[in-house]
Each structure stands twice: as structure tokens, then as C-alpha cells.
Amino acid sequence: MRILTVVLLAASLAASLAACSRNVEVGSAPSPASGMAVHLKNNASQAVNAYVTASGSDVFIGQVSANSEKTLAVSGVSSGSSVTLKARTADGARTYTKDNVSLTSSTDWTVP
């Protein structure tokens, strides 16, 4: 009788675990549909927040640490669009801009 009880408990536990299991997918944010990017080289002594200004709206594209470089994805802007690139230091004291940039799949920019 004990063997039957143990077998039934084991079967019940296995069925409970199978009923409660679920698949979970983990991933990163979707890549931008436009495929546009800005490769920003930051020569400043502090981090900068980078923006693309298109149609009068600033769109935050990322932060680049002091004395480093990073490629930042730009979404919602089509290839060849004329935009303004803007980088503001983390403390807000300095803003660097580059006007009338024709955005491509890999636009390079160095600040300051």
C-alpha cells in the first residue's frame, strides 16, 4: 500500500509541475526598422546624452560615456533625412550640435 501511495504522489507531483510550466522568452528590444545609426565619438570629459532632431522633435538615442565611442540606433527617421544631431553633457552645461546632417545607415560624429 505504501508503494502505491508513493507512486500516486509522484505521479500527482509530476502532473502538477507539467500543468504549471510555461515557456518564457527573453530577448532585447527590437532593432530599429529604419536601420539608421549614429556612431558618436565623445572626446568630452563627461558623458553626453545624444539626440536626433527631426521635424522639430528631439529624439533621445542614447548616452555615450566620457572619452569613449558608441554606435546609437536611430528609429523613426528615414535614410537621407536632413536632421540635427545634438549632444548635451550629463550636467547640462554644454550642448554640441551639428546641423543639416543627411542621415545614413552609419553617420559618424565626434564631439567636441
N, C-alpha and C. Protein backbone atom coordinates (compact mmCIF):
# COMPACT_ATOMS: atom_id res chain seq x y z
N MET A 1 0.81 -1.18 0.00
CA MET A 1 0.00 0.00 0.00
C MET A 1 0.87 1.26 0.00
N ARG A 2 1.99 1.23 0.76
CA ARG A 2 2.86 2.40 0.76
C ARG A 2 3.45 2.68 -0.62
N ILE A 3 3.80 1.64 -1.32
CA ILE A 3 4.37 1.81 -2.65
C ILE A 3 3.35 2.48 -3.57
N LEU A 4 2.10 2.06 -3.49
CA LEU A 4 1.04 2.64 -4.31
C LEU A 4 0.86 4.12 -3.96
N THR A 5 0.91 4.47 -2.68
CA THR A 5 0.77 5.86 -2.25
C THR A 5 1.93 6.71 -2.77
N VAL A 6 3.15 6.19 -2.68
CA VAL A 6 4.32 6.91 -3.17
C VAL A 6 4.23 7.11 -4.68
N VAL A 7 3.81 6.08 -5.41
CA VAL A 7 3.68 6.17 -6.86
C VAL A 7 2.62 7.21 -7.23
N LEU A 8 1.49 7.20 -6.52
CA LEU A 8 0.42 8.16 -6.81
C LEU A 8 0.86 9.60 -6.48
N LEU A 9 1.59 9.78 -5.39
CA LEU A 9 2.10 11.11 -5.04
C LEU A 9 3.08 11.61 -6.10
N ALA A 10 3.97 10.72 -6.54
CA ALA A 10 4.96 11.10 -7.55
C ALA A 10 4.26 11.47 -8.86
N ALA A 11 3.26 10.71 -9.25
CA ALA A 11 2.51 10.99 -10.48
C ALA A 11 1.75 12.30 -10.35
N SER A 12 1.17 12.55 -9.18
CA SER A 12 0.44 13.79 -8.93
C SER A 12 1.37 15.00 -8.98
N LEU A 13 2.54 14.86 -8.39
CA LEU A 13 3.53 15.94 -8.41
C LEU A 13 4.00 16.22 -9.84
N ALA A 14 4.27 15.20 -10.59
CA ALA A 14 4.71 15.37 -11.98
C ALA A 14 3.63 16.05 -12.81
N ALA A 15 2.38 15.68 -12.62
CA ALA A 15 1.27 16.29 -13.36
C ALA A 15 1.11 17.76 -12.96
N SER A 16 1.28 18.06 -11.68
CA SER A 16 1.17 19.44 -11.22
C SER A 16 2.26 20.31 -11.82
N LEU A 17 3.48 19.81 -11.85
CA LEU A 17 4.59 20.57 -12.42
C LEU A 17 4.40 20.79 -13.91
N ALA A 18 3.91 19.79 -14.60
CA ALA A 18 3.69 19.92 -16.04
C ALA A 18 2.58 20.93 -16.33
N ALA A 19 1.56 20.96 -15.50
CA ALA A 19 0.45 21.89 -15.70
C ALA A 19 0.86 23.33 -15.41
N CYS A 20 1.81 23.53 -14.52
CA CYS A 20 2.22 24.88 -14.14
C CYS A 20 3.36 25.43 -14.98
N SER A 21 3.98 24.60 -15.78
CA SER A 21 5.12 25.09 -16.55
C SER A 21 4.65 25.99 -17.68
N ARG A 22 5.49 26.95 -18.02
CA ARG A 22 5.18 27.83 -19.13
C ARG A 22 6.48 28.24 -19.80
N ASN A 23 6.40 28.56 -21.05
CA ASN A 23 7.57 29.00 -21.79
C ASN A 23 7.72 30.50 -21.65
N VAL A 24 8.92 30.93 -21.37
CA VAL A 24 9.21 32.35 -21.25
C VAL A 24 10.35 32.67 -22.20
N GLU A 25 10.13 33.68 -23.05
CA GLU A 25 11.18 34.10 -23.96
C GLU A 25 11.80 35.39 -23.45
N VAL A 26 13.11 35.43 -23.44
CA VAL A 26 13.83 36.62 -23.01
C VAL A 26 14.63 37.13 -24.18
N GLY A 27 14.55 38.42 -24.42
CA GLY A 27 15.28 39.00 -25.54
C GLY A 27 15.53 40.47 -25.30
N SER A 28 16.19 41.08 -26.24
CA SER A 28 16.45 42.52 -26.14
C SER A 28 15.36 43.26 -26.90
N ALA A 29 15.44 44.57 -26.83
CA ALA A 29 14.47 45.40 -27.54
C ALA A 29 14.60 45.14 -29.03
N PRO A 30 13.51 45.30 -29.75
CA PRO A 30 13.58 45.07 -31.19
C PRO A 30 14.51 46.08 -31.86
N SER A 31 15.17 45.64 -32.90
CA SER A 31 16.05 46.54 -33.61
C SER A 31 15.24 47.56 -34.38
N PRO A 32 15.78 48.74 -34.58
CA PRO A 32 15.01 49.77 -35.26
C PRO A 32 14.72 49.38 -36.71
N ALA A 33 13.53 49.71 -37.17
CA ALA A 33 13.12 49.34 -38.51
C ALA A 33 13.89 50.11 -39.57
N SER A 34 14.30 51.33 -39.26
CA SER A 34 14.93 52.15 -40.28
C SER A 34 16.37 51.74 -40.56
N GLY A 35 17.07 51.13 -39.61
CA GLY A 35 18.45 50.72 -39.80
C GLY A 35 19.43 51.87 -39.77
N MET A 36 18.99 53.06 -39.36
CA MET A 36 19.86 54.22 -39.29
C MET A 36 20.62 54.20 -37.96
N ALA A 37 21.85 54.73 -37.97
CA ALA A 37 22.66 54.76 -36.76
C ALA A 37 23.61 55.94 -36.79
N VAL A 38 23.97 56.39 -35.60
CA VAL A 38 24.97 57.45 -35.44
C VAL A 38 26.11 56.86 -34.61
N HIS A 39 27.31 56.92 -35.17
CA HIS A 39 28.49 56.47 -34.43
C HIS A 39 29.08 57.72 -33.80
N LEU A 40 28.93 57.83 -32.48
CA LEU A 40 29.33 59.04 -31.75
C LEU A 40 30.61 58.80 -30.97
N LYS A 41 31.62 59.60 -31.27
CA LYS A 41 32.88 59.57 -30.52
C LYS A 41 32.85 60.76 -29.58
N ASN A 42 32.87 60.50 -28.28
CA ASN A 42 32.79 61.54 -27.26
C ASN A 42 34.17 61.82 -26.69
N ASN A 43 34.74 62.97 -27.04
CA ASN A 43 36.03 63.38 -26.51
C ASN A 43 35.90 64.25 -25.26
N ALA A 44 34.68 64.48 -24.80
CA ALA A 44 34.45 65.30 -23.62
C ALA A 44 34.86 64.55 -22.36
N SER A 45 35.05 65.30 -21.28
CA SER A 45 35.47 64.69 -20.01
C SER A 45 34.31 64.15 -19.19
N GLN A 46 33.10 64.20 -19.74
CA GLN A 46 31.95 63.60 -19.07
C GLN A 46 30.99 63.03 -20.11
N ALA A 47 30.07 62.21 -19.65
CA ALA A 47 29.11 61.56 -20.54
C ALA A 47 28.24 62.59 -21.25
N VAL A 48 27.77 62.23 -22.45
CA VAL A 48 26.82 63.07 -23.17
C VAL A 48 25.57 62.26 -23.49
N ASN A 49 24.43 62.95 -23.47
CA ASN A 49 23.17 62.38 -23.94
C ASN A 49 22.98 62.83 -25.37
N ALA A 50 22.74 61.88 -26.27
CA ALA A 50 22.66 62.18 -27.70
C ALA A 50 21.21 62.18 -28.17
N TYR A 51 20.92 63.11 -29.08
CA TYR A 51 19.57 63.28 -29.63
C TYR A 51 19.67 63.48 -31.14
N VAL A 52 18.61 63.09 -31.84
CA VAL A 52 18.44 63.42 -33.24
C VAL A 52 17.20 64.30 -33.31
N THR A 53 17.34 65.47 -33.93
CA THR A 53 16.20 66.37 -34.09
C THR A 53 15.71 66.27 -35.52
N ALA A 54 14.49 65.77 -35.66
CA ALA A 54 13.86 65.63 -36.98
C ALA A 54 12.45 66.19 -36.88
N SER A 55 12.07 66.99 -37.83
CA SER A 55 10.73 67.61 -37.86
C SER A 55 10.44 68.37 -36.57
N GLY A 56 11.46 69.00 -36.00
CA GLY A 56 11.28 69.83 -34.82
C GLY A 56 11.22 69.09 -33.49
N SER A 57 11.37 67.78 -33.50
CA SER A 57 11.30 67.00 -32.25
C SER A 57 12.64 66.35 -31.94
N ASP A 58 13.08 66.50 -30.68
CA ASP A 58 14.29 65.81 -30.22
C ASP A 58 13.94 64.38 -29.84
N VAL A 59 14.70 63.44 -30.38
CA VAL A 59 14.53 62.03 -30.05
C VAL A 59 15.81 61.54 -29.40
N PHE A 60 15.72 61.12 -28.14
CA PHE A 60 16.87 60.60 -27.41
C PHE A 60 17.31 59.28 -28.04
N ILE A 61 18.61 59.17 -28.37
CA ILE A 61 19.09 57.93 -28.97
C ILE A 61 20.09 57.18 -28.09
N GLY A 62 20.57 57.82 -27.01
CA GLY A 62 21.44 57.10 -26.10
C GLY A 62 22.43 58.00 -25.40
N GLN A 63 23.21 57.37 -24.53
CA GLN A 63 24.24 58.08 -23.78
C GLN A 63 25.60 57.46 -24.10
N VAL A 64 26.60 58.33 -24.23
CA VAL A 64 27.95 57.87 -24.51
C VAL A 64 28.85 58.35 -23.38
N SER A 65 29.57 57.45 -22.77
CA SER A 65 30.46 57.76 -21.65
C SER A 65 31.58 58.70 -22.08
N ALA A 66 32.22 59.33 -21.08
CA ALA A 66 33.33 60.24 -21.34
C ALA A 66 34.47 59.51 -22.05
N ASN A 67 35.08 60.18 -22.99
CA ASN A 67 36.24 59.66 -23.71
C ASN A 67 36.02 58.25 -24.26
N SER A 68 34.88 58.05 -24.88
CA SER A 68 34.59 56.74 -25.49
C SER A 68 33.75 56.95 -26.74
N GLU A 69 33.40 55.87 -27.39
CA GLU A 69 32.57 55.95 -28.58
C GLU A 69 31.56 54.82 -28.58
N LYS A 70 30.45 55.08 -29.28
CA LYS A 70 29.36 54.10 -29.29
C LYS A 70 28.51 54.32 -30.54
N THR A 71 27.97 53.25 -31.08
CA THR A 71 27.03 53.34 -32.19
C THR A 71 25.62 53.31 -31.63
N LEU A 72 24.84 54.34 -31.95
CA LEU A 72 23.50 54.51 -31.41
C LEU A 72 22.47 54.35 -32.52
N ALA A 73 21.52 53.46 -32.31
CA ALA A 73 20.47 53.22 -33.30
C ALA A 73 19.48 54.38 -33.32
N VAL A 74 19.02 54.71 -34.51
CA VAL A 74 18.04 55.78 -34.69
C VAL A 74 16.81 55.17 -35.35
N SER A 75 15.67 55.26 -34.68
CA SER A 75 14.45 54.72 -35.27
C SER A 75 13.50 55.85 -35.62
N GLY A 76 12.64 55.59 -36.58
CA GLY A 76 11.63 56.56 -36.97
C GLY A 76 12.11 57.65 -37.90
N VAL A 77 13.33 57.52 -38.42
CA VAL A 77 13.86 58.51 -39.35
C VAL A 77 14.34 57.76 -40.59
N SER A 78 13.91 58.22 -41.76
CA SER A 78 14.28 57.50 -42.97
C SER A 78 15.65 57.93 -43.49
N SER A 79 16.24 57.07 -44.27
CA SER A 79 17.57 57.31 -44.84
C SER A 79 17.55 58.57 -45.70
N GLY A 80 18.59 59.39 -45.54
CA GLY A 80 18.70 60.61 -46.33
C GLY A 80 17.99 61.81 -45.73
N SER A 81 17.27 61.59 -44.62
CA SER A 81 16.58 62.70 -43.97
C SER A 81 17.60 63.72 -43.45
N SER A 82 17.26 65.00 -43.56
CA SER A 82 18.11 66.06 -43.03
C SER A 82 17.73 66.28 -41.57
N VAL A 83 18.67 66.04 -40.67
CA VAL A 83 18.42 66.13 -39.23
C VAL A 83 19.48 67.00 -38.57
N THR A 84 19.25 67.31 -37.31
CA THR A 84 20.26 67.96 -36.47
C THR A 84 20.68 66.96 -35.41
N LEU A 85 21.98 66.78 -35.24
CA LEU A 85 22.50 65.93 -34.17
C LEU A 85 22.79 66.82 -32.98
N LYS A 86 22.44 66.36 -31.79
CA LYS A 86 22.64 67.15 -30.58
C LYS A 86 23.20 66.25 -29.49
N ALA A 87 24.21 66.74 -28.79
CA ALA A 87 24.79 66.02 -27.64
C ALA A 87 24.88 67.00 -26.49
N ARG A 88 24.29 66.64 -25.36
CA ARG A 88 24.30 67.50 -24.17
C ARG A 88 25.05 66.79 -23.06
N THR A 89 25.99 67.50 -22.42
CA THR A 89 26.73 66.89 -21.33
C THR A 89 25.78 66.50 -20.21
N ALA A 90 26.19 65.52 -19.44
CA ALA A 90 25.32 64.97 -18.38
C ALA A 90 24.89 66.04 -17.38
N ASP A 91 25.75 67.04 -17.13
CA ASP A 91 25.38 68.10 -16.19
C ASP A 91 24.58 69.23 -16.86
N GLY A 92 24.38 69.14 -18.18
CA GLY A 92 23.60 70.12 -18.90
C GLY A 92 24.33 71.41 -19.21
N ALA A 93 25.61 71.50 -18.87
CA ALA A 93 26.38 72.73 -19.03
C ALA A 93 26.73 73.02 -20.49
N ARG A 94 26.95 71.99 -21.30
CA ARG A 94 27.36 72.18 -22.69
C ARG A 94 26.44 71.42 -23.62
N THR A 95 26.18 72.01 -24.77
CA THR A 95 25.42 71.33 -25.83
C THR A 95 26.20 71.48 -27.13
N TYR A 96 26.39 70.37 -27.81
CA TYR A 96 27.08 70.36 -29.10
C TYR A 96 26.05 70.00 -30.16
N THR A 97 26.05 70.71 -31.29
CA THR A 97 25.10 70.41 -32.36
C THR A 97 25.81 70.33 -33.70
N LYS A 98 25.20 69.60 -34.58
CA LYS A 98 25.66 69.52 -35.97
C LYS A 98 24.40 69.57 -36.82
N ASP A 99 24.23 70.67 -37.57
CA ASP A 99 23.02 70.90 -38.35
C ASP A 99 23.11 70.30 -39.75
N ASN A 100 21.93 70.10 -40.34
CA ASN A 100 21.79 69.67 -41.74
C ASN A 100 22.60 68.42 -42.07
N VAL A 101 22.46 67.41 -41.24
CA VAL A 101 23.14 66.14 -41.46
C VAL A 101 22.20 65.23 -42.25
N SER A 102 22.71 64.68 -43.35
CA SER A 102 21.94 63.71 -44.13
C SER A 102 22.17 62.34 -43.49
N LEU A 103 21.17 61.84 -42.79
CA LEU A 103 21.30 60.61 -42.01
C LEU A 103 21.43 59.39 -42.92
N THR A 104 22.44 58.57 -42.63
CA THR A 104 22.66 57.33 -43.38
C THR A 104 22.66 56.15 -42.41
N SER A 105 22.93 54.97 -42.93
CA SER A 105 22.94 53.78 -42.07
C SER A 105 24.07 53.83 -41.06
N SER A 106 25.09 54.65 -41.30
CA SER A 106 26.18 54.80 -40.35
C SER A 106 26.77 56.20 -40.47
N THR A 107 26.21 57.13 -39.71
CA THR A 107 26.67 58.50 -39.69
C THR A 107 27.68 58.68 -38.56
N ASP A 108 28.86 59.21 -38.87
CA ASP A 108 29.90 59.43 -37.86
C ASP A 108 29.84 60.86 -37.34
N TRP A 109 30.07 61.01 -36.02
CA TRP A 109 30.08 62.33 -35.41
C TRP A 109 31.03 62.30 -34.21
N THR A 110 31.87 63.34 -34.11
CA THR A 110 32.80 63.46 -32.99
C THR A 110 32.51 64.75 -32.25
N VAL A 111 32.40 64.67 -30.92
CA VAL A 111 32.23 65.86 -30.08
C VAL A 111 33.32 65.88 -29.02
N PRO A 112 33.74 67.00 -28.51
CA PRO A 112 33.53 68.33 -29.08
C PRO A 112 34.35 68.54 -30.32
